[in-house]
C-alpha atoms as a PDB file:
ATOM      1  CA  UNK A   1     120.105 106.500  95.170  1.00  0.00           C
ATOM      2  CA  UNK A   2     122.271 103.641  96.380  1.00  0.00           C
ATOM      3  CA  UNK A   3     121.565 100.108  95.228  1.00  0.00           C
ATOM      4  CA  UNK A   4     122.157  97.342  97.758  1.00  0.00           C
ATOM      5  CA  UNK A   5     124.565  94.824  96.216  1.00  0.00           C
ATOM      6  CA  UNK A   6     123.172  92.051  98.439  1.00  0.00           C
ATOM      7  CA  UNK A   7     119.713  92.651  96.981  1.00  0.00           C
ATOM      8  CA  UNK A   8     121.073  92.381  93.441  1.00  0.00           C
ATOM      9  CA  UNK A   9     122.847  89.149  94.389  1.00  0.00           C
ATOM     10  CA  UNK A  10     119.565  87.749  95.734  1.00  0.00           C
ATOM     11  CA  UNK A  11     117.671  88.728  92.592  1.00  0.00           C
ATOM     12  CA  UNK A  12     120.285  87.079  90.374  1.00  0.00           C
ATOM     13  CA  UNK A  13     120.747  83.822  92.315  1.00  0.00           C
ATOM     14  CA  UNK A  14     118.809  81.789  89.731  1.00  0.00           C
ATOM     15  CA  UNK A  15     120.313  83.556  86.692  1.00  0.00           C
ATOM     16  CA  UNK A  16     121.561  81.027  84.158  1.00  0.00           C
ATOM     17  CA  UNK A  17     121.042  82.684  80.773  1.00  0.00           C
ATOM     18  CA  UNK A  18     120.059  86.122  79.394  1.00  0.00           C
ATOM     19  CA  UNK A  19     116.409  85.041  79.032  1.00  0.00           C
ATOM     20  CA  UNK A  20     116.247  84.705  82.822  1.00  0.00           C
ATOM     21  CA  UNK A  21     116.677  88.473  82.981  1.00  0.00           C
ATOM     22  CA  UNK A  22     115.140  89.805  79.761  1.00  0.00           C
ATOM     23  CA  UNK A  23     112.838  86.962  78.700  1.00  0.00           C
ATOM     24  CA  UNK A  24     109.029  86.928  78.722  1.00  0.00           C
ATOM     25  CA  UNK A  25     108.957  86.012  82.422  1.00  0.00           C
ATOM     26  CA  UNK A  26     112.390  87.359  83.271  1.00  0.00           C
ATOM     27  CA  UNK A  27     113.513  89.468  86.180  1.00  0.00           C
ATOM     28  CA  UNK A  28     113.382  92.744  84.259  1.00  0.00           C
ATOM     29  CA  UNK A  29     109.778  92.109  83.177  1.00  0.00           C
ATOM     30  CA  UNK A  30     108.791  91.291  86.751  1.00  0.00           C
ATOM     31  CA  UNK A  31     110.439  94.427  88.115  1.00  0.00           C
ATOM     32  CA  UNK A  32     108.953  96.753  85.500  1.00  0.00           C
ATOM     33  CA  UNK A  33     105.412  95.409  85.157  1.00  0.00           C
ATOM     34  CA  UNK A  34     103.969  96.838  88.317  1.00  0.00           C
ATOM     35  CA  UNK A  35     103.633  96.963  92.017  1.00  0.00           C
ATOM     36  CA  UNK A  36     104.695 100.605  92.138  1.00  0.00           C
ATOM     37  CA  UNK A  37     101.818 102.625  90.643  1.00  0.00           C
ATOM     38  CA  UNK A  38     103.480 105.968  91.389  1.00  0.00           C
ATOM     39  CA  UNK A  39     106.490 105.172  89.193  1.00  0.00           C
ATOM     40  CA  UNK A  40     106.468 105.378  85.401  1.00  0.00           C
ATOM     41  CA  UNK A  41     107.253 102.108  83.615  1.00  0.00           C
ATOM     42  CA  UNK A  42     110.979 101.520  83.166  1.00  0.00           C
ATOM     43  CA  UNK A  43     112.356 101.495  79.654  1.00  0.00           C
ATOM     44  CA  UNK A  44     115.472  99.311  79.337  1.00  0.00           C
ATOM     45  CA  UNK A  45     117.978 100.467  76.778  1.00  0.00           C
ATOM     46  CA  UNK A  46     121.513  99.795  75.650  1.00  0.00           C
ATOM     47  CA  UNK A  47     122.871 102.437  78.029  1.00  0.00           C
ATOM     48  CA  UNK A  48     121.803 100.512  81.126  1.00  0.00           C
ATOM     49  CA  UNK A  49     125.020  99.292  82.817  1.00  0.00           C
ATOM     50  CA  UNK A  50     123.387  96.190  84.300  1.00  0.00           C
ATOM     51  CA  UNK A  51     121.991  95.112  80.934  1.00  0.00           C
ATOM     52  CA  UNK A  52     125.330  95.773  79.231  1.00  0.00           C
ATOM     53  CA  UNK A  53     127.002  93.313  81.603  1.00  0.00           C
ATOM     54  CA  UNK A  54     124.435  90.536  81.209  1.00  0.00           C
ATOM     55  CA  UNK A  55     123.752  90.990  77.526  1.00  0.00           C
ATOM     56  CA  UNK A  56     127.367  91.748  76.681  1.00  0.00           C
ATOM     57  CA  UNK A  57     126.370  94.881  74.742  1.00  0.00           C
END
């Protein structure tokens, strides 16, 4: 599966701090909470390359 870099740029336009991505109302929560009933819920972990970049893991 190829991820469109332009889409990622759009999703991260308002990113200012880690909480904007992983906070209670962050991007990750919004992407994983629903809208796609056929997919299992995503489980973020330290091995995720996107999270490593933003969280500096």
